[in-house]
Structure formats: structure tokens, C-alpha cells
Amino acid sequence: IVIPMSVSWEVELWNVKGDAAATEAFLAASNGQKSVLPRIVKVGYKALSLQYFFTAGEDEVRCWTIPAGACAPEAAGAIHTDFERGFIKAEVVSFDDFKTLSNGAKSMAAVKAAGKYRQEGR
């Protein structure tokens, strides 16, 4: 798999990332070119048979990498090996459903009310 990219272009884009006007101007001057870094990550995960999942708490959201097709207890083991041995259940929702239904809230209440939530495990 070959994904053409320009490191110097990506660095220039990175250097203006904090300034919305500068980023917009840089992208406009680049004739519609977009960063290929997201594509590299997606293709890399697929080629390596990996997937990711998120955990969310009050103060942080974390992304974890696991083998594709891993079950919930195996995913828990990615966080800490003791979690895999003592795994009971996971509360599961797709990111798209969570994003659409939570409306920025830090609660799963709307997701559960819409029936887009499930538990996996024992």
C-alpha cells in the first residue's frame, strides 16, 4: 500500500493549526489538498487488523487500540490486564449514536432512552 504524502506540506499545515484564518488560507492556497494523515491511520489500522475503542469519564476520553474482532473482555485487558480477568460487563454505544443523541452532555441518559445502548459481558 502506497499513500503519497508531503511531509513538508503536513508540517506547514501543522504549524498553522491553532489559527483558523491561517489554516483556511493555507488550505485555500493548496488547491483543495487535505491532510493524508487520517487516511494513513485508517489504512494502517486495517492493514494491521486493528481497531480502536473509546472510554469516557468525567474528565477525559481515551482511545485504545485492540486486535480487530476482540471481545469486550479482551478490550478491557488493553486498559489493564487485571480488567480482563475480572471483567463483568461493558456499556456499549456507537460513537455516531452517542454524538447525535448526547448533544454535548456528559451523560448516557439520552442514548439509553433512545434504545441505542447495550451491555456486553457476563
N, C-alpha and C. Protein backbone atom coordinates (compact mmCIF):
# COMPACT_ATOMS: atom_id res chain seq x y z
N ILE A 1 0.86 -1.17 0.00
CA ILE A 1 0.00 0.00 0.00
C ILE A 1 0.90 1.23 0.00
N VAL A 2 0.66 2.12 -0.94
CA VAL A 2 1.44 3.35 -1.02
C VAL A 2 0.46 4.53 -0.94
N ILE A 3 0.73 5.42 0.00
CA ILE A 3 -0.07 6.64 0.15
C ILE A 3 0.87 7.82 -0.02
N PRO A 4 0.77 8.51 -1.14
CA PRO A 4 1.68 9.64 -1.35
C PRO A 4 1.38 10.76 -0.35
N MET A 5 2.45 11.37 0.15
CA MET A 5 2.29 12.48 1.09
C MET A 5 3.50 13.39 1.01
N SER A 6 3.30 14.60 1.45
CA SER A 6 4.39 15.57 1.52
C SER A 6 4.58 15.95 2.98
N VAL A 7 5.68 15.53 3.55
CA VAL A 7 5.95 15.84 4.95
C VAL A 7 6.05 17.34 5.15
N SER A 8 6.70 18.04 4.23
CA SER A 8 6.84 19.49 4.39
C SER A 8 5.47 20.17 4.37
N TRP A 9 4.55 19.70 3.49
CA TRP A 9 3.21 20.28 3.45
C TRP A 9 2.46 20.00 4.76
N GLU A 10 2.57 18.78 5.26
CA GLU A 10 1.91 18.43 6.53
C GLU A 10 2.46 19.27 7.68
N VAL A 11 3.76 19.53 7.67
CA VAL A 11 4.37 20.36 8.72
C VAL A 11 3.84 21.79 8.62
N GLU A 12 3.74 22.31 7.42
CA GLU A 12 3.19 23.66 7.26
C GLU A 12 1.76 23.73 7.77
N LEU A 13 0.96 22.73 7.44
CA LEU A 13 -0.42 22.69 7.94
C LEU A 13 -0.44 22.62 9.46
N TRP A 14 0.42 21.79 10.02
CA TRP A 14 0.51 21.65 11.48
C TRP A 14 0.87 22.98 12.13
N ASN A 15 1.75 23.72 11.51
CA ASN A 15 2.21 24.98 12.10
C ASN A 15 1.13 26.06 12.15
N VAL A 16 0.09 25.96 11.35
CA VAL A 16 -0.99 26.96 11.38
C VAL A 16 -2.26 26.42 12.05
N LYS A 17 -2.20 25.24 12.65
CA LYS A 17 -3.41 24.59 13.16
C LYS A 17 -4.14 25.36 14.25
N GLY A 18 -3.46 26.19 15.00
CA GLY A 18 -4.12 26.94 16.06
C GLY A 18 -4.84 28.20 15.59
N ASP A 19 -4.61 28.59 14.36
CA ASP A 19 -5.16 29.82 13.81
C ASP A 19 -6.13 29.47 12.68
N ALA A 20 -7.43 29.58 12.94
CA ALA A 20 -8.45 29.17 11.96
C ALA A 20 -8.31 29.92 10.64
N ALA A 21 -8.06 31.22 10.70
CA ALA A 21 -7.94 32.01 9.46
C ALA A 21 -6.70 31.58 8.66
N ALA A 22 -5.59 31.36 9.36
CA ALA A 22 -4.37 30.94 8.67
C ALA A 22 -4.53 29.55 8.08
N THR A 23 -5.20 28.66 8.81
CA THR A 23 -5.45 27.31 8.30
C THR A 23 -6.30 27.36 7.05
N GLU A 24 -7.37 28.15 7.09
CA GLU A 24 -8.25 28.28 5.93
C GLU A 24 -7.50 28.85 4.73
N ALA A 25 -6.68 29.85 4.97
CA ALA A 25 -5.90 30.46 3.88
C ALA A 25 -4.89 29.46 3.30
N PHE A 26 -4.24 28.71 4.18
CA PHE A 26 -3.26 27.73 3.72
C PHE A 26 -3.93 26.65 2.87
N LEU A 27 -5.08 26.15 3.34
CA LEU A 27 -5.79 25.11 2.58
C LEU A 27 -6.32 25.66 1.26
N ALA A 28 -6.77 26.90 1.25
CA ALA A 28 -7.25 27.52 0.01
C ALA A 28 -6.11 27.65 -1.00
N ALA A 29 -4.94 27.99 -0.51
CA ALA A 29 -3.78 28.12 -1.39
C ALA A 29 -3.26 26.76 -1.86
N SER A 30 -3.73 25.69 -1.22
CA SER A 30 -3.26 24.33 -1.57
C SER A 30 -4.17 23.64 -2.58
N ASN A 31 -5.05 24.40 -3.21
CA ASN A 31 -5.93 23.86 -4.26
C ASN A 31 -6.76 22.67 -3.81
N GLY A 32 -7.31 22.75 -2.61
CA GLY A 32 -8.21 21.69 -2.12
C GLY A 32 -7.51 20.47 -1.54
N GLN A 33 -6.21 20.51 -1.45
CA GLN A 33 -5.48 19.38 -0.86
C GLN A 33 -5.83 19.26 0.61
N LYS A 34 -5.94 18.03 1.10
CA LYS A 34 -6.22 17.79 2.52
C LYS A 34 -5.09 16.95 3.10
N SER A 35 -5.00 16.95 4.40
CA SER A 35 -4.01 16.12 5.08
C SER A 35 -4.31 14.65 4.80
N VAL A 36 -3.26 13.87 4.58
CA VAL A 36 -3.44 12.43 4.36
C VAL A 36 -3.19 11.64 5.65
N LEU A 37 -2.87 12.32 6.74
CA LEU A 37 -2.60 11.61 7.98
C LEU A 37 -3.79 10.77 8.46
N PRO A 38 -5.04 11.28 8.42
CA PRO A 38 -6.15 10.42 8.81
C PRO A 38 -6.25 9.15 7.95
N ARG A 39 -5.98 9.28 6.67
CA ARG A 39 -6.04 8.12 5.77
C ARG A 39 -4.94 7.12 6.11
N ILE A 40 -3.75 7.62 6.43
CA ILE A 40 -2.64 6.75 6.80
C ILE A 40 -3.01 5.94 8.05
N VAL A 41 -3.64 6.59 9.02
CA VAL A 41 -4.05 5.89 10.24
C VAL A 41 -5.09 4.83 9.91
N LYS A 42 -6.12 5.19 9.15
CA LYS A 42 -7.18 4.23 8.82
C LYS A 42 -6.64 3.03 8.04
N VAL A 43 -5.84 3.29 7.02
CA VAL A 43 -5.29 2.20 6.20
C VAL A 43 -4.33 1.36 7.03
N GLY A 44 -3.54 2.01 7.88
CA GLY A 44 -2.61 1.28 8.74
C GLY A 44 -3.33 0.35 9.70
N TYR A 45 -4.38 0.84 10.34
CA TYR A 45 -5.16 0.00 11.25
C TYR A 45 -5.74 -1.20 10.51
N LYS A 46 -6.28 -0.96 9.32
CA LYS A 46 -6.87 -2.05 8.55
C LYS A 46 -5.81 -3.07 8.14
N ALA A 47 -4.67 -2.59 7.65
CA ALA A 47 -3.60 -3.49 7.20
C ALA A 47 -3.05 -4.33 8.36
N LEU A 48 -3.06 -3.78 9.55
CA LEU A 48 -2.55 -4.48 10.73
C LEU A 48 -3.63 -5.22 11.49
N SER A 49 -4.87 -5.23 10.95
CA SER A 49 -6.02 -5.88 11.61
C SER A 49 -6.22 -5.36 13.03
N LEU A 50 -6.28 -4.05 13.14
CA LEU A 50 -6.50 -3.41 14.43
C LEU A 50 -7.80 -2.61 14.39
N GLN A 51 -8.33 -2.34 15.54
CA GLN A 51 -9.47 -1.43 15.68
C GLN A 51 -9.26 -0.66 16.97
N TYR A 52 -10.09 0.32 17.20
CA TYR A 52 -9.95 1.10 18.42
C TYR A 52 -11.30 1.24 19.10
N PHE A 53 -11.24 1.54 20.39
CA PHE A 53 -12.45 1.83 21.14
C PHE A 53 -12.13 2.96 22.10
N PHE A 54 -13.18 3.62 22.58
CA PHE A 54 -13.01 4.77 23.45
C PHE A 54 -13.57 4.46 24.83
N THR A 55 -12.93 5.01 25.84
CA THR A 55 -13.51 5.03 27.18
C THR A 55 -13.71 6.50 27.53
N ALA A 56 -14.76 6.77 28.28
CA ALA A 56 -15.07 8.16 28.62
C ALA A 56 -15.40 8.26 30.10
N GLY A 57 -14.84 9.28 30.71
CA GLY A 57 -15.13 9.60 32.10
C GLY A 57 -15.48 11.06 32.20
N GLU A 58 -15.60 11.54 33.42
CA GLU A 58 -15.95 12.94 33.63
C GLU A 58 -14.91 13.90 33.07
N ASP A 59 -13.63 13.53 33.21
CA ASP A 59 -12.58 14.49 32.86
C ASP A 59 -11.74 14.11 31.65
N GLU A 60 -11.99 12.93 31.03
CA GLU A 60 -11.18 12.57 29.87
C GLU A 60 -11.86 11.52 29.00
N VAL A 61 -11.45 11.51 27.76
CA VAL A 61 -11.83 10.45 26.81
C VAL A 61 -10.53 9.87 26.31
N ARG A 62 -10.44 8.52 26.31
CA ARG A 62 -9.21 7.87 25.85
C ARG A 62 -9.54 6.92 24.72
N CYS A 63 -8.59 6.75 23.84
CA CYS A 63 -8.71 5.83 22.71
C CYS A 63 -7.72 4.68 22.93
N TRP A 64 -8.21 3.45 22.75
CA TRP A 64 -7.40 2.26 22.97
C TRP A 64 -7.35 1.44 21.69
N THR A 65 -6.21 0.83 21.39
CA THR A 65 -6.04 0.00 20.21
C THR A 65 -6.09 -1.46 20.61
N ILE A 66 -6.90 -2.24 19.85
CA ILE A 66 -7.05 -3.68 20.12
C ILE A 66 -7.07 -4.43 18.80
N PRO A 67 -6.84 -5.74 18.82
CA PRO A 67 -6.95 -6.52 17.58
C PRO A 67 -8.39 -6.48 17.05
N ALA A 68 -8.53 -6.46 15.74
CA ALA A 68 -9.87 -6.46 15.13
C ALA A 68 -10.62 -7.71 15.59
N GLY A 69 -11.88 -7.54 15.94
CA GLY A 69 -12.71 -8.66 16.36
C GLY A 69 -12.55 -9.03 17.83
N ALA A 70 -11.78 -8.28 18.59
CA ALA A 70 -11.61 -8.58 20.01
C ALA A 70 -12.93 -8.42 20.74
N CYS A 71 -13.15 -9.29 21.69
CA CYS A 71 -14.36 -9.22 22.52
C CYS A 71 -14.15 -8.20 23.64
N ALA A 72 -15.23 -7.85 24.31
CA ALA A 72 -15.17 -6.83 25.36
C ALA A 72 -14.15 -7.16 26.45
N PRO A 73 -14.07 -8.41 26.94
CA PRO A 73 -13.05 -8.68 27.97
C PRO A 73 -11.63 -8.46 27.46
N GLU A 74 -11.36 -8.81 26.20
CA GLU A 74 -10.04 -8.57 25.62
C GLU A 74 -9.77 -7.07 25.52
N ALA A 75 -10.79 -6.31 25.17
CA ALA A 75 -10.64 -4.86 25.09
C ALA A 75 -10.32 -4.30 26.48
N ALA A 76 -11.00 -4.81 27.50
CA ALA A 76 -10.72 -4.36 28.87
C ALA A 76 -9.27 -4.65 29.24
N GLY A 77 -8.73 -5.76 28.74
CA GLY A 77 -7.34 -6.11 29.00
C GLY A 77 -6.35 -5.13 28.40
N ALA A 78 -6.77 -4.40 27.36
CA ALA A 78 -5.90 -3.38 26.78
C ALA A 78 -5.68 -2.23 27.76
N ILE A 79 -6.66 -2.00 28.61
CA ILE A 79 -6.56 -0.94 29.61
C ILE A 79 -5.67 -1.41 30.76
N HIS A 80 -5.96 -2.60 31.26
CA HIS A 80 -5.15 -3.19 32.34
C HIS A 80 -5.43 -4.68 32.36
N THR A 81 -4.38 -5.49 32.51
CA THR A 81 -4.56 -6.95 32.45
C THR A 81 -5.52 -7.46 33.51
N ASP A 82 -5.56 -6.83 34.68
CA ASP A 82 -6.50 -7.25 35.73
C ASP A 82 -7.95 -7.06 35.29
N PHE A 83 -8.19 -6.07 34.43
CA PHE A 83 -9.56 -5.82 33.95
C PHE A 83 -10.06 -6.99 33.12
N GLU A 84 -9.17 -7.62 32.36
CA GLU A 84 -9.60 -8.76 31.53
C GLU A 84 -9.99 -9.93 32.41
N ARG A 85 -9.20 -10.21 33.43
CA ARG A 85 -9.51 -11.34 34.32
C ARG A 85 -10.78 -11.10 35.12
N GLY A 86 -11.02 -9.88 35.56
CA GLY A 86 -12.18 -9.58 36.39
C GLY A 86 -13.32 -8.93 35.65
N PHE A 87 -13.31 -9.02 34.32
CA PHE A 87 -14.32 -8.34 33.51
C PHE A 87 -15.73 -8.83 33.84
N ILE A 88 -16.66 -7.90 34.01
CA ILE A 88 -18.05 -8.25 34.25
C ILE A 88 -18.91 -7.80 33.08
N LYS A 89 -18.91 -6.52 32.77
CA LYS A 89 -19.72 -6.03 31.64
C LYS A 89 -19.19 -4.68 31.17
N ALA A 90 -19.57 -4.35 29.94
CA ALA A 90 -19.24 -3.05 29.37
C ALA A 90 -20.53 -2.41 28.87
N GLU A 91 -20.64 -1.11 29.05
CA GLU A 91 -21.76 -0.36 28.49
C GLU A 91 -21.30 0.12 27.11
N VAL A 92 -22.01 -0.27 26.06
CA VAL A 92 -21.55 -0.07 24.69
C VAL A 92 -22.54 0.78 23.90
N VAL A 93 -22.01 1.75 23.16
CA VAL A 93 -22.80 2.58 22.25
C VAL A 93 -21.89 2.98 21.10
N SER A 94 -22.44 3.10 19.91
CA SER A 94 -21.61 3.55 18.79
C SER A 94 -21.30 5.04 18.97
N PHE A 95 -20.16 5.46 18.47
CA PHE A 95 -19.77 6.85 18.59
C PHE A 95 -20.79 7.76 17.90
N ASP A 96 -21.24 7.36 16.71
CA ASP A 96 -22.20 8.19 15.97
C ASP A 96 -23.49 8.38 16.77
N ASP A 97 -23.99 7.30 17.38
CA ASP A 97 -25.20 7.42 18.20
C ASP A 97 -24.95 8.32 19.41
N PHE A 98 -23.81 8.14 20.07
CA PHE A 98 -23.50 8.97 21.23
C PHE A 98 -23.41 10.44 20.84
N LYS A 99 -22.70 10.72 19.76
CA LYS A 99 -22.52 12.10 19.32
C LYS A 99 -23.87 12.74 18.97
N THR A 100 -24.71 12.00 18.26
CA THR A 100 -26.01 12.53 17.83
C THR A 100 -26.96 12.74 19.00
N LEU A 101 -27.01 11.78 19.91
CA LEU A 101 -28.02 11.80 20.95
C LEU A 101 -27.62 12.54 22.23
N SER A 102 -26.33 12.63 22.53
CA SER A 102 -25.94 13.24 23.81
C SER A 102 -25.99 14.76 23.80
N ASN A 103 -25.95 15.36 22.61
CA ASN A 103 -26.00 16.82 22.49
C ASN A 103 -24.97 17.51 23.38
N GLY A 104 -23.77 16.93 23.47
CA GLY A 104 -22.70 17.53 24.25
C GLY A 104 -22.76 17.24 25.73
N ALA A 105 -23.79 16.54 26.19
CA ALA A 105 -23.90 16.22 27.61
C ALA A 105 -22.91 15.11 27.96
N LYS A 106 -22.54 15.05 29.22
CA LYS A 106 -21.62 14.01 29.69
C LYS A 106 -22.41 12.82 30.23
N SER A 107 -23.60 12.61 29.73
CA SER A 107 -24.47 11.57 30.24
C SER A 107 -24.91 10.61 29.14
N MET A 108 -25.14 9.38 29.52
CA MET A 108 -25.65 8.37 28.59
C MET A 108 -27.18 8.30 28.62
N ALA A 109 -27.82 9.15 29.41
CA ALA A 109 -29.27 9.06 29.61
C ALA A 109 -30.05 9.12 28.29
N ALA A 110 -29.74 10.05 27.42
CA ALA A 110 -30.46 10.18 26.15
C ALA A 110 -30.21 8.98 25.25
N VAL A 111 -29.00 8.44 25.29
CA VAL A 111 -28.65 7.27 24.48
C VAL A 111 -29.44 6.06 24.97
N LYS A 112 -29.50 5.88 26.28
CA LYS A 112 -30.26 4.76 26.86
C LYS A 112 -31.74 4.91 26.55
N ALA A 113 -32.27 6.13 26.65
CA ALA A 113 -33.69 6.37 26.39
C ALA A 113 -34.05 6.08 24.94
N ALA A 114 -33.11 6.28 24.03
CA ALA A 114 -33.35 6.03 22.60
C ALA A 114 -33.15 4.55 22.24
N GLY A 115 -32.72 3.74 23.21
CA GLY A 115 -32.51 2.32 22.95
C GLY A 115 -31.26 2.03 22.13
N LYS A 116 -30.29 2.93 22.12
CA LYS A 116 -29.06 2.76 21.33
C LYS A 116 -27.89 2.30 22.20
N TYR A 117 -28.20 1.70 23.32
CA TYR A 117 -27.20 1.32 24.31
C TYR A 117 -27.35 -0.17 24.56
N ARG A 118 -26.22 -0.83 24.79
CA ARG A 118 -26.30 -2.26 25.14
C ARG A 118 -25.19 -2.59 26.13
N GLN A 119 -25.38 -3.69 26.82
CA GLN A 119 -24.35 -4.18 27.74
C GLN A 119 -23.78 -5.46 27.17
N GLU A 120 -22.46 -5.59 27.25
CA GLU A 120 -21.79 -6.80 26.79
C GLU A 120 -21.01 -7.36 27.96
N GLY A 121 -21.05 -8.67 28.09
CA GLY A 121 -20.31 -9.32 29.15
C GLY A 121 -21.16 -10.36 29.84
N ARG A 122 -20.79 -10.63 31.05
CA ARG A 122 -21.48 -11.69 31.83
C ARG A 122 -22.83 -11.24 32.31
